[in-house]
């Protein structure tokens, strides 16, 4: 299934416009007319610093915190980071042969810079109690954010730079503990999208084609949550979309700018897979 519009090319990020000077950045020496404009301070100097340093600068004053956490600054900082260095994020999973241990509660995240280091560096470890992470569920990555789907419908987002964890609001009820989740950035709206597939109900039907046995029919739904944009009213709220025509398989979706690709089962009895 296809969600989004991939007919148009995503817009190229532009450098933010010149900012108005804030009182906090006014020159300290009275009678002097020389000062550094805010757009140079933020978008030519501070934007080159690592995230850890930027977090400390947020305590300078309220206007600095507002600018350093704005969408325009964050996107420009991310764009420059992609040009200067390449970092891989590794999230190893441990396979459990015992089906009774179908989830793990410990998550480890590593970073690796090709060409600069020979081994991966542990960023952090976190335990998810009492919620576990299904062994076949792979955390999704986008722009330094990690989305972690857990059982019982819980979804967490981690900012790798600040080590902050945010739990998303609960979505529509699902009769299954596991759910299918997609995560990506929409360049046309400048927001992040989390798509979720859930099962409302199911029923088992006896097959009459001579093979015997039963087949399971599902009633499934699909919803999207948006965050990271300028609008606060529509953010962090699940909104229903058109129901998927077929149940979605437990496979990691392909997430591209503005579009998600799901793997679905056209026939639960014969296992025909479609995209």
Protein backbone atom coordinates (compact mmCIF):
# COMPACT_ATOMS: atom_id res chain seq x y z
CA UNK A 1 0.00 0.00 0.00
CA UNK A 2 1.10 3.53 -0.69
CA UNK A 3 0.72 6.41 1.73
CA UNK A 4 1.64 9.91 0.55
CA UNK A 5 2.49 11.48 -2.76
CA UNK A 6 5.79 10.71 -4.46
CA UNK A 7 5.06 12.47 -7.76
CA UNK A 8 6.89 15.62 -6.75
CA UNK A 9 10.50 15.96 -5.69
CA UNK A 10 10.99 17.09 -2.07
CA UNK A 11 11.92 20.75 -1.67
CA UNK A 12 15.57 21.61 -1.10
CA UNK A 13 16.16 23.01 2.43
CA UNK A 14 16.81 26.73 2.30
CA UNK A 15 18.85 28.80 4.67
CA UNK A 16 16.58 30.57 7.20
CA UNK A 17 15.94 34.25 6.75
CA UNK A 18 17.66 36.93 8.77
CA UNK A 19 16.31 37.16 12.31
CA UNK A 20 15.37 40.29 14.16
CA UNK A 21 17.81 41.26 16.88
CA UNK A 22 16.70 40.34 20.41
CA UNK A 23 17.36 42.54 23.48
CA UNK A 24 19.51 39.82 25.03
CA UNK A 25 21.97 39.96 22.13
CA UNK A 26 22.40 43.75 22.18
CA UNK A 27 26.00 45.04 22.58
CA UNK A 28 27.20 45.27 26.14
CA UNK A 29 29.42 48.30 25.63
CA UNK A 30 27.36 51.50 25.71
CA UNK A 31 27.93 53.92 22.86
CA UNK A 32 29.31 51.20 20.59
CA UNK A 33 27.60 50.44 17.28
CA UNK A 34 29.51 47.21 16.55
CA UNK A 35 27.67 43.93 17.21
CA UNK A 36 27.22 40.51 15.66
CA UNK A 37 23.77 40.03 14.11
CA UNK A 38 21.66 37.18 15.42
CA UNK A 39 21.53 35.36 12.10
CA UNK A 40 25.35 35.14 12.06
CA UNK A 41 25.51 34.00 15.71
CA UNK A 42 22.95 31.25 15.26
CA UNK A 43 23.07 30.19 11.62
CA UNK A 44 26.80 30.57 10.91
CA UNK A 45 28.52 30.02 14.27
CA UNK A 46 26.38 28.07 16.74
CA UNK A 47 24.94 25.86 14.01
CA UNK A 48 28.41 24.30 13.57
CA UNK A 49 28.58 23.11 17.19
CA UNK A 50 27.64 19.60 18.34
CA UNK A 51 24.27 19.03 19.96
CA UNK A 52 25.73 18.67 23.45
CA UNK A 53 27.10 22.22 23.27
CA UNK A 54 23.82 23.58 21.89
CA UNK A 55 21.94 22.09 24.82
CA UNK A 56 24.13 24.09 27.22
CA UNK A 57 23.61 27.30 25.22
CA UNK A 58 19.84 26.95 25.63
CA UNK A 59 20.26 28.16 29.21
CA UNK A 60 21.69 31.56 28.17
CA UNK A 61 18.27 33.21 27.88
CA UNK A 62 14.73 32.54 26.74
CA UNK A 63 15.23 33.92 23.22
CA UNK A 64 18.30 31.72 22.68
CA UNK A 65 16.38 28.63 23.77
CA UNK A 66 13.49 29.55 21.45
CA UNK A 67 15.82 29.91 18.46
CA UNK A 68 17.98 26.85 19.18
CA UNK A 69 14.89 24.66 19.45
CA UNK A 70 13.07 26.17 16.46
CA UNK A 71 12.28 24.02 13.43
CA UNK A 72 14.35 26.23 11.10
CA UNK A 73 17.50 25.98 13.25
CA UNK A 74 17.14 22.24 13.86
CA UNK A 75 16.65 21.49 10.15
CA UNK A 76 19.63 23.68 9.15
CA UNK A 77 21.85 22.06 11.81
CA UNK A 78 20.81 18.62 10.56
CA UNK A 79 21.51 19.55 6.93
CA UNK A 80 25.03 20.78 7.75
CA UNK A 81 25.71 17.67 9.85
CA UNK A 82 24.87 15.44 6.89
CA UNK A 83 27.34 17.32 4.70
CA UNK A 84 30.28 17.18 7.10
CA UNK A 85 30.11 13.69 8.66
CA UNK A 86 28.40 10.36 8.22
CA UNK A 87 27.34 8.30 11.23
CA UNK A 88 25.66 4.91 11.27
CA UNK A 89 23.25 3.95 14.04
CA UNK A 90 23.30 0.28 15.08
CA UNK A 91 20.51 -1.34 17.11
CA UNK A 92 21.39 -5.05 17.49
CA UNK A 93 18.63 -7.46 18.45
CA UNK A 94 18.99 -10.85 20.17
CA UNK A 95 17.13 -13.73 18.58
CA UNK A 96 15.09 -15.80 21.03
CA UNK A 97 14.57 -19.46 20.10
CA UNK A 98 12.12 -19.88 22.96
CA UNK A 99 8.80 -18.50 21.68
CA UNK A 100 7.77 -17.79 25.26
CA UNK A 101 10.48 -15.10 25.23
CA UNK A 102 9.02 -13.27 22.25
CA UNK A 103 10.08 -9.86 23.54
CA UNK A 104 13.15 -8.25 25.09
CA UNK A 105 13.24 -5.44 27.63
CA UNK A 106 16.81 -4.23 27.08
CA UNK A 107 17.68 -1.98 24.15
CA UNK A 108 21.26 -1.01 23.22
CA UNK A 109 22.08 1.67 20.65
CA UNK A 110 25.54 2.10 19.09
CA UNK A 111 27.05 4.70 16.75
CA UNK A 112 29.68 4.02 14.10
CA UNK A 113 31.54 6.43 11.80
CA UNK A 114 32.83 4.65 8.66
CA UNK A 115 36.45 5.45 7.89
CA UNK A 116 37.07 7.10 11.27
CA UNK A 117 36.75 4.22 13.72
CA UNK A 118 37.05 0.44 13.70
CA UNK A 119 34.49 -0.34 16.38
CA UNK A 120 31.05 0.95 17.29
CA UNK A 121 30.57 3.16 20.34
CA UNK A 122 27.78 2.46 22.81
CA UNK A 123 25.52 5.50 23.04
CA UNK A 124 23.27 4.19 25.81
CA UNK A 125 21.22 1.27 27.07
CA UNK A 126 17.66 1.45 28.32
CA UNK A 127 15.33 -1.06 29.89
CA UNK A 128 11.65 -1.04 28.99
CA UNK A 129 9.73 -2.26 32.02
CA UNK A 130 7.08 -3.53 32.12
CA UNK A 131 6.74 -3.10 28.34
CA UNK A 132 8.86 -5.31 26.13
CA UNK A 133 10.03 -4.90 22.54
CA UNK A 134 8.97 -7.72 20.18
CA UNK A 135 11.99 -9.63 18.87
CA UNK A 136 10.81 -9.23 15.27
CA UNK A 137 10.12 -5.49 15.68
CA UNK A 138 12.97 -3.29 14.45
CA UNK A 139 13.28 0.28 15.81
CA UNK A 140 13.01 2.88 13.04
CA UNK A 141 15.46 5.78 12.51
CA UNK A 142 14.95 9.21 10.95
CA UNK A 143 17.13 12.33 11.35
CA UNK A 144 18.65 11.26 14.66
CA UNK A 145 15.31 10.13 16.12
CA UNK A 146 14.64 6.49 17.00
CA UNK A 147 11.07 5.17 17.10
CA UNK A 148 10.65 2.13 19.35
CA UNK A 149 7.39 0.15 19.12
CA UNK A 150 6.63 -1.94 22.20
CA UNK A 151 3.96 -4.46 23.05
CA UNK A 152 0.62 -3.39 24.52
CA UNK A 153 0.47 -0.55 21.97
CA UNK A 154 3.21 1.59 23.53
CA UNK A 155 5.41 3.68 21.20
CA UNK A 156 8.49 5.66 22.29
CA UNK A 157 10.66 8.18 20.42
CA UNK A 158 14.26 8.76 21.47
CA UNK A 159 16.42 11.76 20.56
CA UNK A 160 19.91 10.28 20.21
CA UNK A 161 21.64 13.61 20.74
CA UNK A 162 19.87 14.65 23.95
CA UNK A 163 19.01 11.12 25.24
CA UNK A 164 15.41 12.24 25.72
CA UNK A 165 12.56 9.72 25.56
CA UNK A 166 8.99 10.67 24.72
CA UNK A 167 6.02 8.32 24.87
CA UNK A 168 3.45 8.90 22.15
CA UNK A 169 -0.21 9.21 23.13
CA UNK A 170 -2.18 5.95 22.88
CA UNK A 171 -3.76 5.18 19.53
CA UNK A 172 -6.91 3.26 18.67
CA UNK A 173 -7.41 -0.01 20.59
CA UNK A 174 -6.08 -3.16 18.95
CA UNK A 175 -7.00 -6.75 19.75
CA UNK A 176 -3.37 -7.78 19.15
CA UNK A 177 -0.50 -6.82 21.44
CA UNK A 178 1.79 -6.05 18.50
CA UNK A 179 1.17 -3.30 15.96
CA UNK A 180 2.79 -2.24 12.70
CA UNK A 181 4.45 1.19 12.75
CA UNK A 182 6.15 3.38 10.12
CA UNK A 183 8.17 6.55 10.79
CA UNK A 184 9.55 9.22 8.48
CA UNK A 185 9.88 12.90 7.57
CA UNK A 186 7.47 14.72 5.26
CA UNK A 187 9.49 17.39 3.37
CA UNK A 188 6.37 19.09 2.00
CA UNK A 189 4.90 19.93 5.42
CA UNK A 190 8.20 19.99 7.34
CA UNK A 191 6.84 17.52 9.92
CA UNK A 192 7.49 13.99 11.10
CA UNK A 193 4.85 11.31 10.54
CA UNK A 194 4.17 8.15 12.51
CA UNK A 195 1.82 5.71 10.76
CA UNK A 196 0.19 2.89 12.70
CA UNK A 197 -1.73 -0.18 11.54
CA UNK A 198 -3.98 -1.89 14.10
CA UNK A 199 -6.54 -4.72 14.25
CA UNK A 200 -10.07 -3.86 15.41
CA UNK A 201 -11.36 -7.43 15.36
CA UNK A 202 -10.98 -10.79 13.64
CA UNK A 203 -12.96 -13.98 13.13
CA UNK A 204 -12.11 -17.53 12.09
CA UNK A 205 -14.00 -18.96 9.12
CA UNK A 206 -14.18 -22.62 8.18
CA UNK A 207 -12.76 -23.33 4.71
CA UNK A 208 -15.04 -25.20 2.31
CA UNK A 209 -12.61 -25.69 -0.58
CA UNK A 210 -11.76 -29.22 0.45
CA UNK A 211 -8.53 -28.41 2.29
CA UNK A 212 -10.25 -28.14 5.63
CA UNK A 213 -9.09 -26.00 8.51
CA UNK A 214 -9.97 -22.38 9.17
CA UNK A 215 -8.92 -19.01 7.83
CA UNK A 216 -8.84 -15.79 9.82
CA UNK A 217 -10.44 -12.59 8.56
CA UNK A 218 -9.30 -9.26 9.97
CA UNK A 219 -10.90 -5.84 10.34
CA UNK A 220 -7.94 -3.45 10.36
CA UNK A 221 -7.46 0.30 10.64
CA UNK A 222 -4.75 2.86 9.89
CA UNK A 223 -3.93 6.21 11.54
CA UNK A 224 -1.19 8.86 11.43
CA UNK A 225 0.34 11.08 14.12
CA UNK A 226 2.19 14.31 13.22
CA UNK A 227 4.78 16.24 15.24
CA UNK A 228 7.66 18.66 14.71
CA UNK A 229 5.80 21.35 12.75
CA UNK A 230 4.78 24.90 13.55
CA UNK A 231 1.12 24.03 14.15
CA UNK A 232 0.47 22.91 17.73
CA UNK A 233 -3.23 22.12 17.29
CA UNK A 234 -2.80 19.14 14.95
CA UNK A 235 0.40 17.81 16.52
CA UNK A 236 0.59 14.71 18.72
CA UNK A 237 -2.93 13.56 17.80
CA UNK A 238 -3.76 10.32 15.99
CA UNK A 239 -5.93 10.87 12.91
CA UNK A 240 -7.67 8.02 11.09
CA UNK A 241 -7.00 7.44 7.39
CA UNK A 242 -8.58 5.10 4.86
CA UNK A 243 -8.63 1.52 6.13
CA UNK A 244 -6.05 -0.74 4.46
CA UNK A 245 -7.63 -3.29 2.10
CA UNK A 246 -5.51 -6.14 3.48
CA UNK A 247 -3.82 -6.93 6.81
CA UNK A 248 -0.24 -5.66 7.06
CA UNK A 249 2.52 -8.19 7.71
CA UNK A 250 5.01 -8.06 10.56
CA UNK A 251 7.76 -6.68 8.34
CA UNK A 252 9.70 -3.45 8.65
CA UNK A 253 8.12 -0.89 6.27
CA UNK A 254 10.17 1.04 3.74
CA UNK A 255 10.12 4.73 4.69
CA UNK A 256 11.07 7.34 2.08
CA UNK A 257 10.56 11.14 2.16
CA UNK A 258 6.80 11.63 2.04
CA UNK A 259 5.86 7.98 1.40
CA UNK A 260 5.58 4.64 3.27
CA UNK A 261 5.58 1.20 1.66
CA UNK A 262 3.83 -1.60 3.57
CA UNK A 263 3.90 -5.37 3.01
CA UNK A 264 0.37 -6.80 3.20
CA UNK A 265 -1.29 -10.19 2.89
CA UNK A 266 -3.93 -10.39 0.17
CA UNK A 267 -4.84 -13.91 1.24
CA UNK A 268 -4.29 -15.04 4.81
CA UNK A 269 -4.99 -18.63 3.75
CA UNK A 270 -2.40 -18.80 0.97
CA UNK A 271 0.01 -16.08 2.15
CA UNK A 272 0.03 -13.93 -0.99
CA UNK A 273 2.17 -10.85 -0.32
CA UNK A 274 1.54 -7.47 -1.96
CA UNK A 275 3.02 -4.00 -1.54
